[in-house]
Structure formats: C-alpha cells, structure tokens
Amino acid sequence: MLEVRCVTKIFNAGTVNEKVALSDLSLTLNDGDFVTVIGGNGAGKSTLLNMVAGVYPVDKGSILIDGVDVTRLSEYKRAKYIGRVFQDPMMGTAADMWVEENMAIADRRGKRRGFKWALTKGDREHYREALKELDLGLDTRLTTKMGLLSGGQRQAVTLLMATLKKPQLLLLDEHTAALDPKTASKVLEITDRLVNEHHLTTLMVTHNMKDAIAHGNRLIMLNEGKIILDISGEEKKKLTVEALLGAFAKAAGSEFANDRALLG
C-alpha cells in the first residue's frame, strides 16, 4: 500500500546548515499494516511523514501509494489517498465551523463539487451515529464549534474525519503528544478501533516507547535518517522498553538519548 524507495531528503544543501534528514531510506507497508515509528530528536520521523504526504519535494527516490507513483504530486493532490492527524489538536479542522460542517468537508474529500445543500438529514444521522461510537458525548454536539471542544475531543473528531472516506493510507504524526495521559490513552483506544474496523494501512509517529510497542503490528526505529530497527510479529509482542533500548544501542552503536521518549 505504501512504497518508499531509496528516498533522500537534504535541507539547506551545500550550506553550513546542511542537514541530511533522510538518507536512501526504503520502506514498504502492506495492506492493513499498522506501523509505529520511533526515534530520537532529528532522527527523521516527521520528515518521513511529510515526504509521504507531499509537504516536501523528494531530492532522490520515489514514493508510491497503492501502486500509484505520487512522487511528483503536490500535497493537495495526494490528499485523496491520505488521511492525516497532526500533533496539534487545532490543526486539520476549522475552529469556527460546526462539528457537522467539519465532518461534511471530510466526507466530501475527493468528490466533485456542485451546487446543493451541504448537509442533508441523512448526513447528520450518519455523523451522529459515527460520533456516538466515540463514546465522548459528541453525538449531541453536532452544531458546536470545533474550537470549543477539548483537545482530546477534537483529536477524536479529527481521527473520525480522517477515516470517514477510508483512505489508502492513514498518517498519525504524534497525534497524542499534546494530550494528558488519560486523554491520550482514550484517543489511542479510538485509533486502534478505527484502524482495525476499517482495515487501514497506518503509519504512526510517536515519542512514547510504550505506545510504539503496545500499538500496531510492526515497529520501526529511525536514527540519522535511516531505519535501524524493523520489528514485527511475535518479536514485537514480546518487546519491552529495556529490550528496545538495548537493540537500539546495538544497532546504532550508541545509547538512545531522548528524555521525552524515555519519560513518556
């Protein structure tokens, strides 16, 4: 479902501030794979997601989604293939629009636009039922402005919006990092359910090692723009934070130094 082939990304090339963010990186996700991505600061995690989403142009290599070469497609043209949830709960939605209006926009992603009522009675009932599944009391708040929801509620709705039209690929960029632990746990629970229900191919960047181990069927660790660990199956199920740190030290030749990940 996703093929990243020998992709390299260099920022400020040829200057004193040159930074190799991704170095000849290759990654393949099969249909239904739920891959968690972890690594230290500057390892290339967010750059990888941004390259897949089309935020940055590829310096070298190619990216395919469901067999379609999207390497040269702009970010907005890739949007029909991708659902994305950002770290900041304020991103990805329109704060001054109602919950149902935000969901209607997401529901029409990739469709032709025309002159007709934006919301029908059937639409509202569909959104109400979908929100009820979140178990956050949002099914009675369809006409509440998105900006008035809590961070956790907003992330949950954003997740729902990203999966309404079953994208070929779901990108989660540290989508629980700005939430308190209890709320983050609830959002991750909703994430697991939506991914499993819709059989979504998912790439989730996280700073939390426990979350990276507990969620998904596969874990990759980045270091200096390269994949140094790729763990799946029974090996991942038996993985512990201590074992992951040991594997990192062995593969990278140094200790894992990221207080945010360790404390998380």
C-alpha atoms as a PDB file:
ATOM      1  CA  MET A   1       0.000   0.000   0.000  1.00  0.00           C
ATOM      2  CA  LEU A   2       2.988   2.288   0.592  1.00  0.00           C
ATOM      3  CA  GLU A   3       6.400   2.040  -1.024  1.00  0.00           C
ATOM      4  CA  VAL A   4       9.160   4.476  -0.124  1.00  0.00           C
ATOM      5  CA  ARG A   5      12.042   3.706  -2.457  1.00  0.00           C
ATOM      6  CA  CYS A   6      15.556   4.947  -1.684  1.00  0.00           C
ATOM      7  CA  VAL A   7      14.335   8.392  -0.616  1.00  0.00           C
ATOM      8  CA  THR A   8      16.838  11.057   0.367  1.00  0.00           C
ATOM      9  CA  LYS A   9      15.983  14.496   1.752  1.00  0.00           C
ATOM     10  CA  ILE A  10      18.608  17.143   2.491  1.00  0.00           C
ATOM     11  CA  PHE A  11      17.732  20.525   3.949  1.00  0.00           C
ATOM     12  CA  ASN A  12      19.940  23.568   3.223  1.00  0.00           C
ATOM     13  CA  ALA A  13      22.134  21.507   0.888  1.00  0.00           C
ATOM     14  CA  GLY A  14      25.576  22.957   0.213  1.00  0.00           C
ATOM     15  CA  THR A  15      25.492  25.340   3.174  1.00  0.00           C
ATOM     16  CA  VAL A  16      26.965  25.248   6.661  1.00  0.00           C
ATOM     17  CA  ASN A  17      23.468  24.369   7.907  1.00  0.00           C
ATOM     18  CA  GLU A  18      23.153  21.276   5.687  1.00  0.00           C
ATOM     19  CA  LYS A  19      21.066  18.563   7.340  1.00  0.00           C
ATOM     20  CA  VAL A  20      20.534  15.091   5.915  1.00  0.00           C
ATOM     21  CA  ALA A  21      17.028  14.296   7.203  1.00  0.00           C
ATOM     22  CA  LEU A  22      16.516  11.031   5.276  1.00  0.00           C
ATOM     23  CA  SER A  23      19.335   9.001   3.732  1.00  0.00           C
ATOM     24  CA  ASP A  24      18.494   6.481   0.992  1.00  0.00           C
ATOM     25  CA  LEU A  25      15.536   5.255   3.066  1.00  0.00           C
ATOM     26  CA  SER A  26      13.316   2.440   1.810  1.00  0.00           C
ATOM     27  CA  LEU A  27      10.126   1.219   3.464  1.00  0.00           C
ATOM     28  CA  THR A  28       7.203  -0.950   2.344  1.00  0.00           C
ATOM     29  CA  LEU A  29       3.820  -1.190   4.091  1.00  0.00           C
ATOM     30  CA  ASN A  30       1.451  -3.961   3.081  1.00  0.00           C
ATOM     31  CA  ASP A  31      -2.310  -3.507   3.037  1.00  0.00           C
ATOM     32  CA  GLY A  32      -3.548  -3.284   6.635  1.00  0.00           C
ATOM     33  CA  ASP A  33      -0.129  -2.801   8.239  1.00  0.00           C
ATOM     34  CA  PHE A  34      -0.150  -0.585  11.345  1.00  0.00           C
ATOM     35  CA  VAL A  35       3.440   0.610  11.733  1.00  0.00           C
ATOM     36  CA  THR A  36       4.662   2.697  14.660  1.00  0.00           C
ATOM     37  CA  VAL A  37       7.712   4.913  14.106  1.00  0.00           C
ATOM     38  CA  ILE A  38      10.050   5.987  16.884  1.00  0.00           C
ATOM     39  CA  GLY A  39      13.460   7.635  17.117  1.00  0.00           C
ATOM     40  CA  GLY A  40      15.403  10.401  18.807  1.00  0.00           C
ATOM     41  CA  ASN A  41      15.177  14.112  18.054  1.00  0.00           C
ATOM     42  CA  GLY A  42      16.211  14.757  14.451  1.00  0.00           C
ATOM     43  CA  ALA A  43      16.032  11.077  13.520  1.00  0.00           C
ATOM     44  CA  GLY A  44      13.750  11.823  10.551  1.00  0.00           C
ATOM     45  CA  LYS A  45      10.352  10.687  11.882  1.00  0.00           C
ATOM     46  CA  SER A  46       8.283  13.745  10.979  1.00  0.00           C
ATOM     47  CA  THR A  47      10.273  14.285   7.793  1.00  0.00           C
ATOM     48  CA  LEU A  48       9.290  10.775   6.677  1.00  0.00           C
ATOM     49  CA  LEU A  49       5.584  11.535   7.199  1.00  0.00           C
ATOM     50  CA  ASN A  50       5.899  14.922   5.498  1.00  0.00           C
ATOM     51  CA  MET A  51       7.637  13.350   2.498  1.00  0.00           C
ATOM     52  CA  VAL A  52       4.877  10.755   2.160  1.00  0.00           C
ATOM     53  CA  ALA A  53       2.223  13.482   2.500  1.00  0.00           C
ATOM     54  CA  GLY A  54       3.914  15.662  -0.125  1.00  0.00           C
ATOM     55  CA  VAL A  55       4.833  18.563   2.148  1.00  0.00           C
ATOM     56  CA  TYR A  56       8.460  18.466   0.926  1.00  0.00           C
ATOM     57  CA  PRO A  57       9.726  17.534  -2.551  1.00  0.00           C
ATOM     58  CA  VAL A  58      11.864  14.401  -2.853  1.00  0.00           C
ATOM     59  CA  ASP A  59      15.553  15.044  -3.553  1.00  0.00           C
ATOM     60  CA  LYS A  60      16.109  11.458  -4.641  1.00  0.00           C
ATOM     61  CA  GLY A  61      13.978   8.305  -4.806  1.00  0.00           C
ATOM     62  CA  SER A  62      10.256   7.701  -5.269  1.00  0.00           C
ATOM     63  CA  ILE A  63       7.034   7.205  -3.286  1.00  0.00           C
ATOM     64  CA  LEU A  64       4.117   5.008  -4.348  1.00  0.00           C
ATOM     65  CA  ILE A  65       0.699   4.735  -2.690  1.00  0.00           C
ATOM     66  CA  ASP A  66      -1.418   1.736  -3.683  1.00  0.00           C
ATOM     67  CA  GLY A  67       0.742   1.286  -6.773  1.00  0.00           C
ATOM     68  CA  VAL A  68       0.414   4.921  -7.901  1.00  0.00           C
ATOM     69  CA  ASP A  69       3.637   6.948  -8.187  1.00  0.00           C
ATOM     70  CA  VAL A  70       2.896  10.122  -6.219  1.00  0.00           C
ATOM     71  CA  THR A  71       6.495  11.364  -6.061  1.00  0.00           C
ATOM     72  CA  ARG A  72       5.786  14.485  -8.109  1.00  0.00           C
ATOM     73  CA  LEU A  73       2.233  15.072  -6.913  1.00  0.00           C
ATOM     74  CA  SER A  74       1.601  18.149  -4.773  1.00  0.00           C
ATOM     75  CA  GLU A  75       0.317  17.838  -1.216  1.00  0.00           C
ATOM     76  CA  TYR A  76      -3.291  18.710  -2.088  1.00  0.00           C
ATOM     77  CA  LYS A  77      -3.378  16.162  -4.927  1.00  0.00           C
ATOM     78  CA  ARG A  78      -2.138  13.415  -2.588  1.00  0.00           C
ATOM     79  CA  ALA A  79      -4.909  14.262  -0.123  1.00  0.00           C
ATOM     80  CA  LYS A  80      -7.338  11.935  -1.902  1.00  0.00           C
ATOM     81  CA  TYR A  81      -5.118   8.990  -0.960  1.00  0.00           C
ATOM     82  CA  ILE A  82      -4.223  10.078   2.575  1.00  0.00           C
ATOM     83  CA  GLY A  83      -5.924  10.735   5.908  1.00  0.00           C
ATOM     84  CA  ARG A  84      -3.791  12.668   8.382  1.00  0.00           C
ATOM     85  CA  VAL A  85      -3.965  13.695  12.032  1.00  0.00           C
ATOM     86  CA  PHE A  86      -1.474  16.222  13.378  1.00  0.00           C
ATOM     87  CA  GLN A  87       0.141  16.674  16.782  1.00  0.00           C
ATOM     88  CA  ASP A  88      -1.646  19.963  17.410  1.00  0.00           C
ATOM     89  CA  PRO A  89      -5.378  19.380  18.105  1.00  0.00           C
ATOM     90  CA  MET A  90      -6.046  22.790  16.500  1.00  0.00           C
ATOM     91  CA  MET A  91      -4.788  21.633  13.083  1.00  0.00           C
ATOM     92  CA  GLY A  92      -6.743  19.709  10.494  1.00  0.00           C
ATOM     93  CA  THR A  93     -10.105  21.286  11.365  1.00  0.00           C
ATOM     94  CA  ALA A  94     -11.856  24.652  11.025  1.00  0.00           C
ATOM     95  CA  ALA A  95     -12.292  26.068  14.532  1.00  0.00           C
ATOM     96  CA  ASP A  96     -15.159  28.447  13.656  1.00  0.00           C
ATOM     97  CA  MET A  97     -17.214  25.810  11.862  1.00  0.00           C
ATOM     98  CA  TRP A  98     -19.582  23.353  13.496  1.00  0.00           C
ATOM     99  CA  VAL A  99     -18.619  19.746  14.141  1.00  0.00           C
ATOM    100  CA  GLU A 100     -21.068  18.543  11.471  1.00  0.00           C
ATOM    101  CA  GLU A 101     -19.693  21.049   8.941  1.00  0.00           C
ATOM    102  CA  ASN A 102     -16.135  19.858   9.527  1.00  0.00           C
ATOM    103  CA  MET A 103     -17.270  16.258   9.077  1.00  0.00           C
ATOM    104  CA  ALA A 104     -19.133  17.170   5.866  1.00  0.00           C
ATOM    105  CA  ILE A 105     -15.940  18.654   4.394  1.00  0.00           C
ATOM    106  CA  ALA A 106     -14.021  15.480   5.239  1.00  0.00           C
ATOM    107  CA  ASP A 107     -16.842  13.318   3.888  1.00  0.00           C
ATOM    108  CA  ARG A 108     -16.621  15.036   0.503  1.00  0.00           C
ATOM    109  CA  ARG A 109     -12.868  14.694   0.092  1.00  0.00           C
ATOM    110  CA  GLY A 110     -12.085  13.669  -3.479  1.00  0.00           C
ATOM    111  CA  LYS A 111     -15.665  14.178  -4.717  1.00  0.00           C
ATOM    112  CA  ARG A 112     -16.783  16.600  -7.420  1.00  0.00           C
ATOM    113  CA  ARG A 113     -18.270  19.829  -6.051  1.00  0.00           C
ATOM    114  CA  GLY A 114     -21.608  21.226  -7.139  1.00  0.00           C
ATOM    115  CA  PHE A 115     -24.496  23.423  -6.034  1.00  0.00           C
ATOM    116  CA  LYS A 116     -26.623  21.563  -3.495  1.00  0.00           C
ATOM    117  CA  TRP A 117     -27.348  21.543   0.218  1.00  0.00           C
ATOM    118  CA  ALA A 118     -24.106  20.909   2.064  1.00  0.00           C
ATOM    119  CA  LEU A 119     -25.799  18.833   4.756  1.00  0.00           C
ATOM    120  CA  THR A 120     -28.806  16.562   4.464  1.00  0.00           C
ATOM    121  CA  LYS A 121     -30.832  14.848   7.160  1.00  0.00           C
ATOM    122  CA  GLY A 122     -29.144  11.597   6.168  1.00  0.00           C
ATOM    123  CA  ASP A 123     -25.703  13.175   6.551  1.00  0.00           C
ATOM    124  CA  ARG A 124     -26.497  14.393  10.047  1.00  0.00           C
ATOM    125  CA  GLU A 125     -27.760  10.989  11.136  1.00  0.00           C
ATOM    126  CA  HIS A 126     -24.643   9.315   9.704  1.00  0.00           C
ATOM    127  CA  TYR A 127     -22.336  11.731  11.549  1.00  0.00           C
ATOM    128  CA  ARG A 128     -24.355  11.401  14.763  1.00  0.00           C
ATOM    129  CA  GLU A 129     -24.009   7.609  14.722  1.00  0.00           C
ATOM    130  CA  ALA A 130     -20.293   7.823  13.969  1.00  0.00           C
ATOM    131  CA  LEU A 131     -19.746  10.292  16.829  1.00  0.00           C
ATOM    132  CA  LYS A 132     -21.756   8.125  19.199  1.00  0.00           C
ATOM    133  CA  GLU A 133     -19.195   5.351  18.662  1.00  0.00           C
ATOM    134  CA  LEU A 134     -16.508   7.596  20.143  1.00  0.00           C
ATOM    135  CA  ASP A 135     -18.347   7.497  23.490  1.00  0.00           C
ATOM    136  CA  LEU A 136     -17.460  11.117  24.259  1.00  0.00           C
ATOM    137  CA  GLY A 137     -20.949  12.610  24.210  1.00  0.00           C
ATOM    138  CA  LEU A 138     -20.279  14.375  20.918  1.00  0.00           C
ATOM    139  CA  ASP A 139     -23.319  12.939  19.135  1.00  0.00           C
ATOM    140  CA  THR A 140     -25.399  15.688  20.807  1.00  0.00           C
ATOM    141  CA  ARG A 141     -22.975  18.466  19.831  1.00  0.00           C
ATOM    142  CA  LEU A 142     -23.176  18.486  16.042  1.00  0.00           C
ATOM    143  CA  THR A 143     -23.721  22.246  15.972  1.00  0.00           C
ATOM    144  CA  THR A 144     -20.942  23.061  18.454  1.00  0.00           C
ATOM    145  CA  LYS A 145     -17.984  24.960  17.004  1.00  0.00           C
ATOM    146  CA  MET A 146     -14.884  22.746  16.750  1.00  0.00           C
ATOM    147  CA  GLY A 147     -12.812  25.354  18.574  1.00  0.00           C
ATOM    148  CA  LEU A 148     -14.957  24.902  21.714  1.00  0.00           C
ATOM    149  CA  LEU A 149     -14.131  21.201  22.070  1.00  0.00           C
ATOM    150  CA  SER A 150     -11.368  19.987  24.376  1.00  0.00           C
ATOM    151  CA  GLY A 151      -8.069  18.860  22.834  1.00  0.00           C
ATOM    152  CA  GLY A 152      -8.949  15.202  23.276  1.00  0.00           C
ATOM    153  CA  GLN A 153     -12.434  15.597  21.808  1.00  0.00           C
ATOM    154  CA  ARG A 154     -11.031  17.497  18.860  1.00  0.00           C
ATOM    155  CA  GLN A 155      -8.383  14.841  18.157  1.00  0.00           C
ATOM    156  CA  ALA A 156     -11.047  12.136  18.334  1.00  0.00           C
ATOM    157  CA  VAL A 157     -13.228  14.000  15.820  1.00  0.00           C
ATOM    158  CA  THR A 158     -10.193  14.641  13.600  1.00  0.00           C
ATOM    159  CA  LEU A 159      -9.447  10.913  13.643  1.00  0.00           C
ATOM    160  CA  LEU A 160     -13.021  10.217  12.638  1.00  0.00           C
ATOM    161  CA  MET A 161     -12.789  12.787   9.839  1.00  0.00           C
ATOM    162  CA  ALA A 162      -9.535  11.267   8.571  1.00  0.00           C
ATOM    163  CA  THR A 163     -11.134   7.819   8.320  1.00  0.00           C
ATOM    164  CA  LEU A 164     -14.641   8.695   7.051  1.00  0.00           C
ATOM    165  CA  LYS A 165     -13.655   8.025   3.435  1.00  0.00           C
ATOM    166  CA  LYS A 166     -11.321   5.075   4.167  1.00  0.00           C
ATOM    167  CA  PRO A 167      -8.005   6.482   2.917  1.00  0.00           C
ATOM    168  CA  GLN A 168      -5.412   4.241   1.309  1.00  0.00           C
ATOM    169  CA  LEU A 169      -3.013   5.472   3.984  1.00  0.00           C
ATOM    170  CA  LEU A 170      -3.520   6.998   7.443  1.00  0.00           C
ATOM    171  CA  LEU A 171      -0.712   9.199   8.808  1.00  0.00           C
ATOM    172  CA  LEU A 172      -0.622   9.947  12.539  1.00  0.00           C
ATOM    173  CA  ASP A 173       2.031  12.499  13.474  1.00  0.00           C
ATOM    174  CA  GLU A 174       2.448  12.260  17.270  1.00  0.00           C
ATOM    175  CA  HIS A 175      -1.311  12.808  17.498  1.00  0.00           C
ATOM    176  CA  THR A 176      -1.441  12.227  21.273  1.00  0.00           C
ATOM    177  CA  ALA A 177       1.701  14.182  22.246  1.00  0.00           C
ATOM    178  CA  ALA A 178      -0.219  17.340  23.236  1.00  0.00           C
ATOM    179  CA  LEU A 179      -2.763  15.473  25.371  1.00  0.00           C
ATOM    180  CA  ASP A 180      -2.704  14.499  29.046  1.00  0.00           C
ATOM    181  CA  PRO A 181      -2.015  10.773  29.695  1.00  0.00           C
ATOM    182  CA  LYS A 182      -5.653   9.797  30.356  1.00  0.00           C
ATOM    183  CA  THR A 183      -6.938  11.576  27.251  1.00  0.00           C
ATOM    184  CA  ALA A 184      -4.042  10.239  25.155  1.00  0.00           C
ATOM    185  CA  SER A 185      -4.949   6.701  26.215  1.00  0.00           C
ATOM    186  CA  LYS A 186      -8.573   7.247  25.136  1.00  0.00           C
ATOM    187  CA  VAL A 187      -7.532   8.652  21.752  1.00  0.00           C
ATOM    188  CA  LEU A 188      -5.192   5.686  21.191  1.00  0.00           C
ATOM    189  CA  GLU A 189      -8.028   3.323  22.075  1.00  0.00           C
ATOM    190  CA  ILE A 190     -10.200   5.034  19.442  1.00  0.00           C
ATOM    191  CA  THR A 191      -7.277   4.885  16.991  1.00  0.00           C
ATOM    192  CA  ASP A 192      -6.918   1.116  17.407  1.00  0.00           C
ATOM    193  CA  ARG A 193     -10.643   0.577  16.909  1.00  0.00           C
ATOM    194  CA  LEU A 194     -10.915   2.721  13.769  1.00  0.00           C
ATOM    195  CA  VAL A 195      -7.784   1.211  12.213  1.00  0.00           C
ATOM    196  CA  ASN A 196      -8.994  -2.323  12.877  1.00  0.00           C
ATOM    197  CA  GLU A 197     -12.616  -1.698  11.830  1.00  0.00           C
ATOM    198  CA  HIS A 198     -11.644  -0.126   8.506  1.00  0.00           C
ATOM    199  CA  HIS A 199      -8.516  -2.264   7.931  1.00  0.00           C
ATOM    200  CA  LEU A 200      -6.458   0.902   7.437  1.00  0.00           C
ATOM    201  CA  THR A 201      -2.807   0.925   6.444  1.00  0.00           C
ATOM    202  CA  THR A 202      -1.337   3.230   9.077  1.00  0.00           C
ATOM    203  CA  LEU A 203       1.951   4.961   9.838  1.00  0.00           C
ATOM    204  CA  MET A 204       2.050   6.397  13.377  1.00  0.00           C
ATOM    205  CA  VAL A 205       4.926   8.512  14.638  1.00  0.00           C
ATOM    206  CA  THR A 206       5.203   8.604  18.432  1.00  0.00           C
ATOM    207  CA  HIS A 207       7.738   9.745  21.010  1.00  0.00           C
ATOM    208  CA  ASN A 208       6.420   7.236  23.550  1.00  0.00           C
ATOM    209  CA  MET A 209       8.228   3.881  23.501  1.00  0.00           C
ATOM    210  CA  LYS A 210       5.469   2.106  25.425  1.00  0.00           C
ATOM    211  CA  ASP A 211       2.875   3.271  22.901  1.00  0.00           C
ATOM    212  CA  ALA A 212       5.120   2.263  19.996  1.00  0.00           C
ATOM    213  CA  ILE A 213       5.355  -1.245  21.444  1.00  0.00           C
ATOM    214  CA  ALA A 214       1.708  -1.586  22.511  1.00  0.00           C
ATOM    215  CA  HIS A 215       0.105  -0.481  19.243  1.00  0.00           C
ATOM    216  CA  GLY A 216       0.348  -1.770  15.710  1.00  0.00           C
ATOM    217  CA  ASN A 217       1.760  -4.956  14.232  1.00  0.00           C
ATOM    218  CA  ARG A 218       5.170  -3.542  13.354  1.00  0.00           C
ATOM    219  CA  LEU A 219       7.691  -1.080  14.823  1.00  0.00           C
ATOM    220  CA  ILE A 220      10.484   0.754  13.058  1.00  0.00           C
ATOM    221  CA  MET A 221      13.152   2.912  14.676  1.00  0.00           C
ATOM    222  CA  LEU A 222      14.940   5.714  12.843  1.00  0.00           C
ATOM    223  CA  ASN A 223      18.374   7.114  13.548  1.00  0.00           C
ATOM    224  CA  GLU A 224      20.107   9.796  11.475  1.00  0.00           C
ATOM    225  CA  GLY A 225      17.624   9.414   8.643  1.00  0.00           C
ATOM    226  CA  LYS A 226      17.895   5.638   8.351  1.00  0.00           C
ATOM    227  CA  ILE A 227      15.833   2.685   9.580  1.00  0.00           C
ATOM    228  CA  ILE A 228      17.996   0.810  12.056  1.00  0.00           C
ATOM    229  CA  LEU A 229      15.332  -1.471  13.568  1.00  0.00           C
ATOM    230  CA  ASP A 230      12.291  -3.142  11.996  1.00  0.00           C
ATOM    231  CA  ILE A 231      10.430  -5.408  14.428  1.00  0.00           C
ATOM    232  CA  SER A 232       7.138  -7.231  13.838  1.00  0.00           C
ATOM    233  CA  GLY A 233       5.123 -10.333  14.692  1.00  0.00           C
ATOM    234  CA  GLU A 234       5.859 -12.312  17.839  1.00  0.00           C
ATOM    235  CA  GLU A 235       9.115 -10.437  18.353  1.00  0.00           C
ATOM    236  CA  LYS A 236       7.205  -7.162  18.695  1.00  0.00           C
ATOM    237  CA  LYS A 237       4.591  -8.673  21.013  1.00  0.00           C
ATOM    238  CA  LYS A 238       7.340  -9.765  23.433  1.00  0.00           C
ATOM    239  CA  LEU A 239       9.232  -6.471  23.188  1.00  0.00           C
ATOM    240  CA  THR A 240       9.914  -4.345  26.281  1.00  0.00           C
ATOM    241  CA  VAL A 241      11.267  -0.792  26.572  1.00  0.00           C
ATOM    242  CA  GLU A 242      14.508  -2.164  28.034  1.00  0.00           C
ATOM    243  CA  ALA A 243      14.921  -4.608  25.158  1.00  0.00           C
ATOM    244  CA  LEU A 244      14.179  -1.865  22.625  1.00  0.00           C
ATOM    245  CA  LEU A 245      16.801   0.407  24.175  1.00  0.00           C
ATOM    246  CA  GLY A 246      19.299  -2.445  24.070  1.00  0.00           C
ATOM    247  CA  ALA A 247      18.516  -3.185  20.424  1.00  0.00           C
ATOM    248  CA  PHE A 248      18.928   0.499  19.583  1.00  0.00           C
ATOM    249  CA  ALA A 249      22.321   0.695  21.312  1.00  0.00           C
ATOM    250  CA  LYS A 250      23.500  -2.400  19.440  1.00  0.00           C
ATOM    251  CA  ALA A 251      22.265  -1.183  16.026  1.00  0.00           C
ATOM    252  CA  ALA A 252      23.308   2.463  16.379  1.00  0.00           C
ATOM    253  CA  GLY A 253      26.487   1.948  18.372  1.00  0.00           C
ATOM    254  CA  SER A 254      25.373   4.479  20.985  1.00  0.00           C
ATOM    255  CA  GLU A 255      22.843   4.948  23.779  1.00  0.00           C
ATOM    256  CA  PHE A 256      19.371   6.227  22.959  1.00  0.00           C
ATOM    257  CA  ALA A 257      19.323   9.839  24.175  1.00  0.00           C
ATOM    258  CA  ASN A 258      15.831  11.328  24.193  1.00  0.00           C
ATOM    259  CA  ASP A 259      14.393  12.272  27.567  1.00  0.00           C
ATOM    260  CA  ARG A 260      10.979  12.951  26.055  1.00  0.00           C
ATOM    261  CA  ALA A 261      10.699   9.383  24.752  1.00  0.00           C
ATOM    262  CA  LEU A 262      12.075   7.792  27.897  1.00  0.00           C
ATOM    263  CA  LEU A 263       9.905   9.827  30.268  1.00  0.00           C
ATOM    264  CA  GLY A 264       6.885   9.283  28.054  1.00  0.00           C
END
